[in-house]
Amino acid sequence: MSNLDFQAMRRAMVDSQLRTNAVNDPRVTAAIETVAREDFVPADRRAIAYIDRAVPLSDKRAMNPALVTARLIVEAGLEPSDKVLIVGAASGYAAAVVAGLAQSVVALESDADLAAEAKRHLKGLANVSVVCADLAKGHAKGAPYDVILIDGAVEDLPDALVRQLADGGRLAGALIQGGVSRLCIGYKAGDGFGVNPVMDADAVALPGFAKPKGFTF
């Protein structure tokens, strides 16, 4: 499949999947149109890189649907001066998009193979660093962050991540509630942190965020 075909698929994705679902920020859509999404999936899945569903990356992980990633980026309200932590960077697609919108990006991934893929894909971006570590613990060494973007769905939002937000910082991600993944945006003000729902969406579940089980007899 030629580059021209992929470019047409990318434009169609932006027009039919994103702009019709409140992803209208011209900075965000322009950044998405410059990133070849097909380069971040296995070679045998390049042809489905632009479908409106998750794209499998391995037996255990998948790339979020483009709408989920794009809507989270829009809700986070990225500024050119922002320091961003991406939790669940996978093969690096979200980090590549955010790199064109923020000052610096830490791409955090717990799967060593995916982290290696992300490093390979992102090596030309001077403002992006890839870290392989536990997703739920974040990356305290680079904190505080203006934005934490969880590129997937989690059952539990660890305090460790919230503590790594700067005062006035934003956290965008999907929370699993009652079996439904719901995109949310959270804001930190002083010692307080509150989360507002945005929309229900089929986000990819990330490992390591299971809600603690309560004691039962």
N, C-alpha and C. Protein backbone atom coordinates (compact mmCIF):
# COMPACT_ATOMS: atom_id res chain seq x y z
N MET A 1 0.85 -1.19 0.00
CA MET A 1 0.00 0.00 0.00
C MET A 1 0.88 1.24 0.00
N SER A 2 0.64 2.19 -0.85
CA SER A 2 1.50 3.35 -1.01
C SER A 2 1.29 4.36 0.10
N ASN A 3 2.27 5.30 0.22
CA ASN A 3 2.15 6.37 1.20
C ASN A 3 0.92 7.22 0.91
N LEU A 4 0.62 7.41 -0.36
CA LEU A 4 -0.54 8.22 -0.74
C LEU A 4 -1.82 7.59 -0.21
N ASP A 5 -1.91 6.26 -0.27
CA ASP A 5 -3.07 5.57 0.28
C ASP A 5 -3.19 5.80 1.78
N PHE A 6 -2.08 5.69 2.49
CA PHE A 6 -2.11 5.90 3.93
C PHE A 6 -2.46 7.35 4.26
N GLN A 7 -1.98 8.27 3.49
CA GLN A 7 -2.32 9.67 3.73
C GLN A 7 -3.81 9.90 3.55
N ALA A 8 -4.39 9.26 2.54
CA ALA A 8 -5.83 9.39 2.33
C ALA A 8 -6.60 8.74 3.48
N MET A 9 -6.12 7.61 3.96
CA MET A 9 -6.77 6.95 5.10
C MET A 9 -6.68 7.81 6.35
N ARG A 10 -5.54 8.49 6.52
CA ARG A 10 -5.36 9.36 7.68
C ARG A 10 -6.33 10.53 7.63
N ARG A 11 -6.46 11.14 6.47
CA ARG A 11 -7.39 12.26 6.33
C ARG A 11 -8.83 11.80 6.56
N ALA A 12 -9.16 10.62 6.04
CA ALA A 12 -10.51 10.09 6.23
C ALA A 12 -10.78 9.81 7.70
N MET A 13 -9.78 9.30 8.42
CA MET A 13 -9.93 9.05 9.85
C MET A 13 -10.22 10.35 10.59
N VAL A 14 -9.45 11.39 10.28
CA VAL A 14 -9.65 12.68 10.94
C VAL A 14 -11.04 13.23 10.64
N ASP A 15 -11.46 13.13 9.39
CA ASP A 15 -12.74 13.72 8.99
C ASP A 15 -13.94 12.92 9.50
N SER A 16 -13.87 11.59 9.42
CA SER A 16 -15.05 10.78 9.73
C SER A 16 -15.11 10.28 11.17
N GLN A 17 -13.93 10.04 11.78
CA GLN A 17 -13.92 9.52 13.15
C GLN A 17 -13.70 10.60 14.19
N LEU A 18 -12.84 11.55 13.90
CA LEU A 18 -12.43 12.52 14.93
C LEU A 18 -13.27 13.79 14.92
N ARG A 19 -13.34 14.47 13.78
CA ARG A 19 -14.06 15.75 13.75
C ARG A 19 -15.54 15.56 14.07
N THR A 20 -16.10 14.42 13.78
CA THR A 20 -17.51 14.16 14.08
C THR A 20 -17.74 13.84 15.56
N ASN A 21 -16.64 13.73 16.33
CA ASN A 21 -16.74 13.41 17.76
C ASN A 21 -15.96 14.42 18.60
N ALA A 22 -16.11 15.70 18.25
CA ALA A 22 -15.61 16.82 19.06
C ALA A 22 -14.09 16.92 19.09
N VAL A 23 -13.40 16.33 18.13
CA VAL A 23 -11.95 16.54 18.01
C VAL A 23 -11.77 17.56 16.88
N ASN A 24 -11.91 18.82 17.25
CA ASN A 24 -11.90 19.90 16.26
C ASN A 24 -10.78 20.91 16.46
N ASP A 25 -9.97 20.72 17.51
CA ASP A 25 -8.86 21.63 17.75
C ASP A 25 -7.89 21.51 16.56
N PRO A 26 -7.68 22.59 15.82
CA PRO A 26 -6.84 22.50 14.61
C PRO A 26 -5.40 22.09 14.91
N ARG A 27 -4.88 22.43 16.11
CA ARG A 27 -3.53 22.01 16.45
C ARG A 27 -3.46 20.49 16.61
N VAL A 28 -4.50 19.93 17.22
CA VAL A 28 -4.52 18.49 17.45
C VAL A 28 -4.70 17.74 16.14
N THR A 29 -5.65 18.15 15.32
CA THR A 29 -5.87 17.45 14.06
C THR A 29 -4.66 17.58 13.14
N ALA A 30 -4.00 18.73 13.16
CA ALA A 30 -2.80 18.89 12.34
C ALA A 30 -1.69 17.96 12.80
N ALA A 31 -1.54 17.84 14.13
CA ALA A 31 -0.51 16.94 14.67
C ALA A 31 -0.80 15.50 14.29
N ILE A 32 -2.07 15.10 14.36
CA ILE A 32 -2.45 13.74 14.02
C ILE A 32 -2.20 13.46 12.54
N GLU A 33 -2.46 14.45 11.70
CA GLU A 33 -2.27 14.26 10.26
C GLU A 33 -0.80 14.15 9.87
N THR A 34 0.10 14.55 10.76
CA THR A 34 1.53 14.45 10.44
C THR A 34 2.16 13.15 10.91
N VAL A 35 1.44 12.37 11.72
CA VAL A 35 2.00 11.14 12.28
C VAL A 35 1.46 9.93 11.53
N ALA A 36 2.35 9.13 10.98
CA ALA A 36 1.96 7.93 10.23
C ALA A 36 1.58 6.82 11.21
N ARG A 37 0.32 6.70 11.52
CA ARG A 37 -0.16 5.72 12.50
C ARG A 37 0.22 4.30 12.09
N GLU A 38 0.27 4.05 10.80
CA GLU A 38 0.60 2.70 10.32
C GLU A 38 2.00 2.26 10.70
N ASP A 39 2.89 3.21 11.00
CA ASP A 39 4.26 2.86 11.38
C ASP A 39 4.35 2.33 12.81
N PHE A 40 3.30 2.48 13.58
CA PHE A 40 3.33 2.12 15.00
C PHE A 40 2.62 0.80 15.30
N VAL A 41 2.24 0.08 14.25
CA VAL A 41 1.61 -1.23 14.42
C VAL A 41 2.45 -2.28 13.70
N PRO A 42 2.27 -3.57 14.03
CA PRO A 42 3.02 -4.61 13.34
C PRO A 42 2.79 -4.55 11.83
N ALA A 43 3.79 -4.97 11.07
CA ALA A 43 3.74 -4.87 9.61
C ALA A 43 2.50 -5.51 9.01
N ASP A 44 2.07 -6.64 9.58
CA ASP A 44 0.91 -7.33 9.01
C ASP A 44 -0.42 -6.69 9.39
N ARG A 45 -0.37 -5.58 10.17
CA ARG A 45 -1.61 -4.91 10.57
C ARG A 45 -1.65 -3.46 10.09
N ARG A 46 -0.70 -3.08 9.25
CA ARG A 46 -0.67 -1.70 8.75
C ARG A 46 -1.96 -1.34 8.02
N ALA A 47 -2.53 -2.29 7.32
CA ALA A 47 -3.73 -2.01 6.53
C ALA A 47 -4.93 -1.66 7.41
N ILE A 48 -4.91 -2.06 8.69
CA ILE A 48 -6.04 -1.77 9.58
C ILE A 48 -5.70 -0.70 10.62
N ALA A 49 -4.62 0.02 10.39
CA ALA A 49 -4.17 1.02 11.37
C ALA A 49 -5.19 2.14 11.58
N TYR A 50 -6.07 2.36 10.61
CA TYR A 50 -6.98 3.50 10.69
C TYR A 50 -8.44 3.09 10.92
N ILE A 51 -8.67 1.84 11.31
CA ILE A 51 -10.03 1.45 11.65
C ILE A 51 -10.46 2.14 12.95
N ASP A 52 -11.75 2.15 13.19
CA ASP A 52 -12.27 2.86 14.38
C ASP A 52 -12.34 1.96 15.60
N ARG A 53 -11.41 1.01 15.68
CA ARG A 53 -11.33 0.12 16.83
C ARG A 53 -9.88 -0.04 17.24
N ALA A 54 -9.66 -0.70 18.37
CA ALA A 54 -8.30 -0.96 18.82
C ALA A 54 -7.58 -1.86 17.82
N VAL A 55 -6.26 -1.65 17.69
CA VAL A 55 -5.44 -2.46 16.79
C VAL A 55 -4.49 -3.29 17.63
N PRO A 56 -4.54 -4.63 17.55
CA PRO A 56 -3.65 -5.47 18.35
C PRO A 56 -2.18 -5.20 18.04
N LEU A 57 -1.38 -5.08 19.10
CA LEU A 57 0.06 -4.91 18.96
C LEU A 57 0.80 -6.20 19.32
N SER A 58 0.20 -7.00 20.19
CA SER A 58 0.78 -8.27 20.64
C SER A 58 -0.37 -9.10 21.20
N ASP A 59 -0.03 -10.23 21.79
CA ASP A 59 -1.07 -11.07 22.39
C ASP A 59 -1.74 -10.40 23.59
N LYS A 60 -1.02 -9.47 24.22
CA LYS A 60 -1.51 -8.86 25.46
C LYS A 60 -1.92 -7.40 25.35
N ARG A 61 -1.43 -6.72 24.33
CA ARG A 61 -1.66 -5.27 24.27
C ARG A 61 -2.20 -4.85 22.90
N ALA A 62 -2.87 -3.71 22.90
CA ALA A 62 -3.42 -3.16 21.66
C ALA A 62 -3.28 -1.64 21.68
N MET A 63 -3.29 -1.05 20.49
CA MET A 63 -3.26 0.40 20.36
C MET A 63 -4.68 0.92 20.52
N ASN A 64 -4.84 1.95 21.32
CA ASN A 64 -6.13 2.57 21.53
C ASN A 64 -6.75 3.02 20.21
N PRO A 65 -8.07 2.98 20.08
CA PRO A 65 -8.70 3.61 18.92
C PRO A 65 -8.26 5.06 18.82
N ALA A 66 -8.09 5.54 17.61
CA ALA A 66 -7.60 6.92 17.42
C ALA A 66 -8.50 7.94 18.11
N LEU A 67 -9.81 7.70 18.10
CA LEU A 67 -10.73 8.65 18.74
C LEU A 67 -10.43 8.79 20.22
N VAL A 68 -10.16 7.68 20.90
CA VAL A 68 -9.89 7.74 22.34
C VAL A 68 -8.65 8.60 22.60
N THR A 69 -7.56 8.29 21.91
CA THR A 69 -6.32 9.05 22.12
C THR A 69 -6.51 10.51 21.77
N ALA A 70 -7.14 10.78 20.64
CA ALA A 70 -7.32 12.16 20.19
C ALA A 70 -8.22 12.96 21.14
N ARG A 71 -9.30 12.35 21.60
CA ARG A 71 -10.21 13.07 22.50
C ARG A 71 -9.55 13.36 23.84
N LEU A 72 -8.74 12.42 24.34
CA LEU A 72 -8.01 12.67 25.58
C LEU A 72 -7.03 13.83 25.42
N ILE A 73 -6.37 13.88 24.28
CA ILE A 73 -5.43 14.98 24.02
C ILE A 73 -6.16 16.31 23.99
N VAL A 74 -7.32 16.34 23.34
CA VAL A 74 -8.11 17.58 23.28
C VAL A 74 -8.54 18.00 24.68
N GLU A 75 -9.06 17.06 25.46
CA GLU A 75 -9.55 17.40 26.80
C GLU A 75 -8.42 17.87 27.71
N ALA A 76 -7.20 17.38 27.48
CA ALA A 76 -6.06 17.79 28.31
C ALA A 76 -5.65 19.23 28.05
N GLY A 77 -6.07 19.80 26.94
CA GLY A 77 -5.78 21.21 26.65
C GLY A 77 -4.29 21.50 26.61
N LEU A 78 -3.55 20.74 25.85
CA LEU A 78 -2.09 20.88 25.81
C LEU A 78 -1.64 22.26 25.35
N GLU A 79 -0.61 22.76 26.04
CA GLU A 79 0.02 24.03 25.69
C GLU A 79 1.46 23.77 25.26
N PRO A 80 2.03 24.63 24.43
CA PRO A 80 3.40 24.42 23.95
C PRO A 80 4.44 24.35 25.06
N SER A 81 4.14 24.90 26.23
CA SER A 81 5.10 24.89 27.35
C SER A 81 4.93 23.70 28.29
N ASP A 82 3.99 22.81 28.00
CA ASP A 82 3.65 21.73 28.94
C ASP A 82 4.69 20.61 28.97
N LYS A 83 4.91 20.09 30.18
CA LYS A 83 5.63 18.83 30.38
C LYS A 83 4.57 17.74 30.52
N VAL A 84 4.71 16.68 29.72
CA VAL A 84 3.66 15.67 29.65
C VAL A 84 4.23 14.29 29.98
N LEU A 85 3.47 13.53 30.78
CA LEU A 85 3.76 12.12 31.02
C LEU A 85 2.67 11.31 30.35
N ILE A 86 3.06 10.40 29.45
CA ILE A 86 2.10 9.49 28.83
C ILE A 86 2.24 8.13 29.49
N VAL A 87 1.16 7.67 30.09
CA VAL A 87 1.15 6.38 30.79
C VAL A 87 0.51 5.34 29.87
N GLY A 88 1.26 4.28 29.57
CA GLY A 88 0.78 3.29 28.61
C GLY A 88 1.14 3.72 27.20
N ALA A 89 2.40 4.06 27.00
CA ALA A 89 2.84 4.60 25.71
C ALA A 89 2.81 3.58 24.59
N ALA A 90 2.78 2.28 24.94
CA ALA A 90 2.76 1.20 23.94
C ALA A 90 3.89 1.39 22.93
N SER A 91 3.57 1.40 21.65
CA SER A 91 4.62 1.51 20.63
C SER A 91 4.99 2.94 20.30
N GLY A 92 4.36 3.92 20.97
CA GLY A 92 4.80 5.30 20.86
C GLY A 92 3.92 6.24 20.07
N TYR A 93 2.77 5.78 19.58
CA TYR A 93 1.95 6.64 18.73
C TYR A 93 1.49 7.92 19.44
N ALA A 94 0.90 7.80 20.61
CA ALA A 94 0.41 8.99 21.32
C ALA A 94 1.55 9.96 21.61
N ALA A 95 2.72 9.42 21.98
CA ALA A 95 3.87 10.29 22.27
C ALA A 95 4.29 11.06 21.02
N ALA A 96 4.23 10.41 19.85
CA ALA A 96 4.60 11.09 18.61
C ALA A 96 3.65 12.24 18.31
N VAL A 97 2.35 12.05 18.57
CA VAL A 97 1.38 13.13 18.35
C VAL A 97 1.61 14.26 19.36
N VAL A 98 1.73 13.91 20.63
CA VAL A 98 1.87 14.91 21.68
C VAL A 98 3.19 15.68 21.54
N ALA A 99 4.21 15.05 21.00
CA ALA A 99 5.51 15.73 20.83
C ALA A 99 5.40 17.01 20.02
N GLY A 100 4.43 17.06 19.11
CA GLY A 100 4.24 18.25 18.30
C GLY A 100 3.38 19.31 18.96
N LEU A 101 2.91 19.03 20.18
CA LEU A 101 1.99 19.93 20.86
C LEU A 101 2.51 20.44 22.20
N ALA A 102 3.56 19.81 22.73
CA ALA A 102 4.04 20.13 24.07
C ALA A 102 5.55 20.33 24.06
N GLN A 103 6.06 20.87 25.17
CA GLN A 103 7.49 21.13 25.27
C GLN A 103 8.30 19.84 25.40
N SER A 104 7.84 18.92 26.28
CA SER A 104 8.57 17.68 26.50
C SER A 104 7.60 16.56 26.85
N VAL A 105 7.99 15.33 26.51
CA VAL A 105 7.13 14.17 26.72
C VAL A 105 7.96 13.04 27.30
N VAL A 106 7.44 12.45 28.39
CA VAL A 106 7.98 11.19 28.90
C VAL A 106 6.98 10.11 28.52
N ALA A 107 7.43 9.12 27.74
CA ALA A 107 6.58 8.03 27.30
C ALA A 107 6.85 6.82 28.18
N LEU A 108 5.93 6.50 29.08
CA LEU A 108 6.11 5.43 30.05
C LEU A 108 5.42 4.15 29.58
N GLU A 109 6.17 3.06 29.52
CA GLU A 109 5.63 1.77 29.09
C GLU A 109 6.23 0.66 29.92
N SER A 110 5.39 -0.28 30.36
CA SER A 110 5.85 -1.37 31.22
C SER A 110 6.30 -2.61 30.45
N ASP A 111 5.82 -2.77 29.22
CA ASP A 111 6.19 -3.92 28.40
C ASP A 111 7.51 -3.63 27.71
N ALA A 112 8.53 -4.43 28.01
CA ALA A 112 9.88 -4.15 27.50
C ALA A 112 9.93 -4.16 25.97
N ASP A 113 9.21 -5.09 25.35
CA ASP A 113 9.23 -5.17 23.88
C ASP A 113 8.58 -3.93 23.26
N LEU A 114 7.45 -3.51 23.83
CA LEU A 114 6.79 -2.32 23.31
C LEU A 114 7.63 -1.07 23.57
N ALA A 115 8.27 -1.00 24.73
CA ALA A 115 9.13 0.15 25.02
C ALA A 115 10.27 0.23 24.02
N ALA A 116 10.82 -0.92 23.64
CA ALA A 116 11.89 -0.93 22.64
C ALA A 116 11.36 -0.45 21.29
N GLU A 117 10.13 -0.85 20.95
CA GLU A 117 9.51 -0.38 19.71
C GLU A 117 9.31 1.13 19.76
N ALA A 118 8.83 1.62 20.91
CA ALA A 118 8.62 3.06 21.06
C ALA A 118 9.91 3.83 20.88
N LYS A 119 10.99 3.33 21.48
CA LYS A 119 12.28 4.00 21.33
C LYS A 119 12.70 4.06 19.87
N ARG A 120 12.45 2.98 19.15
CA ARG A 120 12.82 2.95 17.74
C ARG A 120 11.99 3.95 16.93
N HIS A 121 10.70 4.00 17.21
CA HIS A 121 9.82 4.89 16.46
C HIS A 121 10.05 6.37 16.79
N LEU A 122 10.45 6.64 18.04
CA LEU A 122 10.52 8.03 18.52
C LEU A 122 11.94 8.59 18.55
N LYS A 123 12.92 7.84 18.06
CA LYS A 123 14.32 8.24 18.21
C LYS A 123 14.65 9.58 17.55
N GLY A 124 13.86 10.01 16.59
CA GLY A 124 14.14 11.28 15.93
C GLY A 124 13.52 12.48 16.60
N LEU A 125 12.78 12.27 17.69
CA LEU A 125 12.11 13.37 18.39
C LEU A 125 12.90 13.75 19.63
N ALA A 126 13.53 14.91 19.58
CA ALA A 126 14.43 15.32 20.66
C ALA A 126 13.72 15.62 21.97
N ASN A 127 12.43 15.92 21.91
CA ASN A 127 11.72 16.28 23.14
C ASN A 127 10.95 15.11 23.76
N VAL A 128 11.25 13.88 23.32
CA VAL A 128 10.58 12.69 23.85
C VAL A 128 11.61 11.73 24.45
N SER A 129 11.32 11.24 25.65
CA SER A 129 12.13 10.18 26.25
C SER A 129 11.23 9.01 26.61
N VAL A 130 11.72 7.80 26.39
CA VAL A 130 10.95 6.59 26.67
C VAL A 130 11.49 5.94 27.94
N VAL A 131 10.60 5.60 28.85
CA VAL A 131 10.97 4.96 30.11
C VAL A 131 10.21 3.65 30.23
N CYS A 132 10.90 2.57 30.55
CA CYS A 132 10.27 1.27 30.76
C CYS A 132 10.17 1.02 32.26
N ALA A 133 8.98 1.06 32.79
CA ALA A 133 8.76 0.90 34.24
C ALA A 133 7.28 0.65 34.50
N ASP A 134 6.96 0.38 35.76
CA ASP A 134 5.59 0.13 36.21
C ASP A 134 4.70 1.34 35.89
N LEU A 135 3.62 1.10 35.15
CA LEU A 135 2.74 2.20 34.75
C LEU A 135 2.09 2.89 35.95
N ALA A 136 1.63 2.10 36.91
CA ALA A 136 0.88 2.66 38.04
C ALA A 136 1.73 3.55 38.94
N LYS A 137 3.06 3.40 38.87
CA LYS A 137 3.94 4.22 39.70
C LYS A 137 4.34 5.52 39.02
N GLY A 138 4.02 5.66 37.74
CA GLY A 138 4.41 6.86 37.03
C GLY A 138 5.91 6.96 36.88
N HIS A 139 6.38 8.21 36.75
CA HIS A 139 7.83 8.45 36.63
C HIS A 139 8.15 9.69 37.46
N ALA A 140 8.33 9.46 38.76
CA ALA A 140 8.51 10.58 39.70
C ALA A 140 9.74 11.42 39.38
N LYS A 141 10.74 10.80 38.77
CA LYS A 141 11.98 11.53 38.48
C LYS A 141 11.73 12.74 37.58
N GLY A 142 10.75 12.65 36.71
CA GLY A 142 10.47 13.76 35.80
C GLY A 142 9.39 14.70 36.28
N ALA A 143 8.78 14.42 37.43
CA ALA A 143 7.68 15.24 37.95
C ALA A 143 8.21 16.58 38.48
N PRO A 144 7.33 17.57 38.59
CA PRO A 144 5.89 17.51 38.31
C PRO A 144 5.59 17.72 36.83
N TYR A 145 4.45 17.15 36.41
CA TYR A 145 4.00 17.26 35.03
C TYR A 145 2.79 18.18 34.94
N ASP A 146 2.73 18.94 33.86
CA ASP A 146 1.55 19.77 33.62
C ASP A 146 0.38 18.90 33.18
N VAL A 147 0.69 17.84 32.47
CA VAL A 147 -0.35 16.93 31.97
C VAL A 147 0.12 15.49 32.12
N ILE A 148 -0.78 14.63 32.64
CA ILE A 148 -0.57 13.19 32.59
C ILE A 148 -1.68 12.62 31.72
N LEU A 149 -1.29 11.94 30.66
CA LEU A 149 -2.24 11.34 29.74
C LEU A 149 -2.15 9.83 29.86
N ILE A 150 -3.20 9.21 30.37
CA ILE A 150 -3.26 7.76 30.47
C ILE A 150 -3.91 7.25 29.18
N ASP A 151 -3.10 6.68 28.30
CA ASP A 151 -3.61 6.29 26.99
C ASP A 151 -4.22 4.89 27.05
N GLY A 152 -5.31 4.79 27.82
CA GLY A 152 -5.99 3.52 28.00
C GLY A 152 -6.96 3.63 29.16
N ALA A 153 -7.52 2.48 29.54
CA ALA A 153 -8.53 2.46 30.59
C ALA A 153 -7.98 1.76 31.84
N VAL A 154 -8.31 2.31 33.01
CA VAL A 154 -7.83 1.77 34.28
C VAL A 154 -9.01 1.65 35.24
N GLU A 155 -8.94 0.64 36.11
CA GLU A 155 -9.97 0.49 37.14
C GLU A 155 -9.72 1.41 38.32
N ASP A 156 -8.45 1.64 38.60
CA ASP A 156 -8.07 2.42 39.79
C ASP A 156 -7.06 3.49 39.39
N LEU A 157 -7.24 4.69 39.92
CA LEU A 157 -6.32 5.79 39.64
C LEU A 157 -5.39 5.95 40.85
N PRO A 158 -4.14 5.51 40.74
CA PRO A 158 -3.24 5.54 41.90
C PRO A 158 -2.89 6.95 42.36
N ASP A 159 -2.76 7.11 43.67
CA ASP A 159 -2.35 8.40 44.22
C ASP A 159 -0.97 8.80 43.71
N ALA A 160 -0.14 7.79 43.40
CA ALA A 160 1.21 8.09 42.93
C ALA A 160 1.19 8.94 41.67
N LEU A 161 0.24 8.69 40.80
CA LEU A 161 0.14 9.49 39.57
C LEU A 161 -0.36 10.90 39.87
N VAL A 162 -1.38 10.99 40.70
CA VAL A 162 -1.93 12.31 41.04
C VAL A 162 -0.87 13.18 41.69
N ARG A 163 -0.03 12.59 42.55
CA ARG A 163 1.02 13.36 43.23
C ARG A 163 2.05 13.90 42.25
N GLN A 164 2.16 13.30 41.09
CA GLN A 164 3.15 13.75 40.12
C GLN A 164 2.65 14.90 39.23
N LEU A 165 1.40 15.30 39.44
CA LEU A 165 0.86 16.45 38.72
C LEU A 165 1.30 17.76 39.37
N ALA A 166 1.60 18.74 38.55
CA ALA A 166 1.87 20.08 39.06
C ALA A 166 0.57 20.71 39.54
N ASP A 167 0.67 21.71 40.40
CA ASP A 167 -0.52 22.45 40.81
C ASP A 167 -1.14 23.08 39.56
N GLY A 168 -2.42 22.83 39.36
CA GLY A 168 -3.08 23.30 38.14
C GLY A 168 -2.97 22.32 36.99
N GLY A 169 -2.34 21.18 37.25
CA GLY A 169 -2.14 20.18 36.20
C GLY A 169 -3.41 19.42 35.86
N ARG A 170 -3.38 18.76 34.70
CA ARG A 170 -4.55 18.00 34.22
C ARG A 170 -4.16 16.54 34.01
N LEU A 171 -5.10 15.66 34.29
CA LEU A 171 -4.91 14.23 34.03
C LEU A 171 -6.08 13.75 33.18
N ALA A 172 -5.76 13.19 32.01
CA ALA A 172 -6.78 12.69 31.09
C ALA A 172 -6.59 11.19 30.92
N GLY A 173 -7.68 10.45 31.00
CA GLY A 173 -7.61 9.01 30.84
C GLY A 173 -9.01 8.42 30.85
N ALA A 174 -9.08 7.10 30.80
CA ALA A 174 -10.37 6.41 30.84
C ALA A 174 -10.46 5.60 32.12
N LEU A 175 -11.56 5.75 32.83
CA LEU A 175 -11.82 4.99 34.04
C LEU A 175 -12.87 3.93 33.76
N ILE A 176 -12.61 2.71 34.24
CA ILE A 176 -13.57 1.62 34.07
C ILE A 176 -14.51 1.63 35.26
N GLN A 177 -15.77 1.87 34.99
CA GLN A 177 -16.79 1.95 36.04
C GLN A 177 -17.97 1.09 35.65
N GLY A 178 -18.23 0.06 36.45
CA GLY A 178 -19.33 -0.84 36.14
C GLY A 178 -19.16 -1.56 34.81
N GLY A 179 -17.91 -1.85 34.47
CA GLY A 179 -17.64 -2.55 33.22
C GLY A 179 -17.61 -1.66 32.00
N VAL A 180 -17.82 -0.36 32.19
CA VAL A 180 -17.82 0.59 31.07
C VAL A 180 -16.62 1.51 31.19
N SER A 181 -15.90 1.73 30.10
CA SER A 181 -14.78 2.68 30.14
C SER A 181 -15.29 4.06 29.77
N ARG A 182 -14.95 5.02 30.60
CA ARG A 182 -15.46 6.39 30.46
C ARG A 182 -14.28 7.36 30.43
N LEU A 183 -14.18 8.13 29.34
CA LEU A 183 -13.11 9.13 29.26
C LEU A 183 -13.39 10.21 30.29
N CYS A 184 -12.32 10.62 31.00
CA CYS A 184 -12.45 11.61 32.08
C CYS A 184 -11.30 12.59 32.02
N ILE A 185 -11.53 13.76 32.59
CA ILE A 185 -10.48 14.76 32.74
C ILE A 185 -10.44 15.18 34.20
N GLY A 186 -9.25 15.16 34.79
CA GLY A 186 -9.10 15.54 36.18
C GLY A 186 -8.22 16.76 36.32
N TYR A 187 -8.46 17.54 37.37
CA TYR A 187 -7.70 18.77 37.61
C TYR A 187 -7.17 18.77 39.04
N LYS A 188 -5.93 19.22 39.17
CA LYS A 188 -5.32 19.31 40.49
C LYS A 188 -5.23 20.77 40.91
N ALA A 189 -5.69 21.06 42.13
CA ALA A 189 -5.61 22.42 42.68
C ALA A 189 -5.16 22.29 44.13
N GLY A 190 -3.93 22.69 44.40
CA GLY A 190 -3.38 22.52 45.74
C GLY A 190 -3.32 21.04 46.08
N ASP A 191 -3.93 20.67 47.21
CA ASP A 191 -3.99 19.27 47.60
C ASP A 191 -5.23 18.56 47.07
N GLY A 192 -6.08 19.29 46.36
CA GLY A 192 -7.32 18.71 45.87
C GLY A 192 -7.19 18.20 44.44
N PHE A 193 -8.01 17.18 44.13
CA PHE A 193 -8.03 16.63 42.78
C PHE A 193 -9.44 16.13 42.50
N GLY A 194 -10.00 16.58 41.39
CA GLY A 194 -11.35 16.16 41.02
C GLY A 194 -11.39 15.70 39.58
N VAL A 195 -12.30 14.76 39.30
CA VAL A 195 -12.41 14.16 37.96
C VAL A 195 -13.81 14.38 37.41
N ASN A 196 -13.89 14.80 36.14
CA ASN A 196 -15.16 14.98 35.47
C ASN A 196 -15.27 14.01 34.28
N PRO A 197 -16.41 13.36 34.09
CA PRO A 197 -16.58 12.47 32.94
C PRO A 197 -16.73 13.27 31.65
N VAL A 198 -16.28 12.69 30.55
CA VAL A 198 -16.37 13.33 29.24
C VAL A 198 -17.31 12.56 28.32
N MET A 199 -17.03 11.27 28.11
CA MET A 199 -17.85 10.44 27.25
C MET A 199 -17.50 8.98 27.47
N ASP A 200 -18.44 8.10 27.18
CA ASP A 200 -18.15 6.67 27.19
C ASP A 200 -17.45 6.31 25.89
N ALA A 201 -16.43 5.47 25.99
CA ALA A 201 -15.68 5.06 24.81
C ALA A 201 -14.99 3.74 25.09
N ASP A 202 -14.79 2.97 24.05
CA ASP A 202 -14.19 1.64 24.19
C ASP A 202 -12.67 1.76 24.20
N ALA A 203 -12.12 2.12 25.36
CA ALA A 203 -10.67 2.28 25.50
C ALA A 203 -10.02 0.95 25.87
N VAL A 204 -8.76 0.81 25.48
CA VAL A 204 -8.00 -0.40 25.76
C VAL A 204 -7.60 -0.42 27.24
N ALA A 205 -7.85 -1.53 27.92
CA ALA A 205 -7.48 -1.66 29.33
C ALA A 205 -5.97 -1.79 29.47
N LEU A 206 -5.40 -1.06 30.43
CA LEU A 206 -3.97 -1.12 30.69
C LEU A 206 -3.68 -2.06 31.86
N PRO A 207 -2.55 -2.74 31.84
CA PRO A 207 -2.20 -3.66 32.93
C PRO A 207 -1.70 -2.91 34.17
N GLY A 208 -1.94 -3.51 35.35
CA GLY A 208 -1.38 -2.97 36.58
C GLY A 208 -2.25 -1.98 37.32
N PHE A 209 -3.52 -1.84 36.90
CA PHE A 209 -4.39 -0.86 37.54
C PHE A 209 -5.67 -1.48 38.09
N ALA A 210 -5.60 -2.76 38.46
CA ALA A 210 -6.79 -3.42 39.01
C ALA A 210 -7.19 -2.77 40.33
N LYS A 211 -8.48 -2.60 40.51
CA LYS A 211 -8.99 -2.01 41.75
C LYS A 211 -8.77 -2.98 42.90
N PRO A 212 -8.24 -2.49 44.04
CA PRO A 212 -8.00 -3.38 45.18
C PRO A 212 -9.29 -4.08 45.60
N LYS A 213 -9.18 -5.38 45.86
CA LYS A 213 -10.36 -6.14 46.28
C LYS A 213 -10.68 -5.87 47.75
N GLY A 214 -11.97 -5.62 48.03
CA GLY A 214 -12.37 -5.42 49.41
C GLY A 214 -12.43 -6.75 50.15
N PHE A 215 -12.32 -6.67 51.48
CA PHE A 215 -12.36 -7.89 52.29
C PHE A 215 -13.79 -8.44 52.31
N THR A 216 -13.90 -9.76 52.07
CA THR A 216 -15.21 -10.39 52.16
C THR A 216 -15.08 -11.67 52.99
N PHE A 217 -16.18 -12.04 53.64
CA PHE A 217 -16.21 -13.28 54.44
C PHE A 217 -16.45 -14.46 53.50
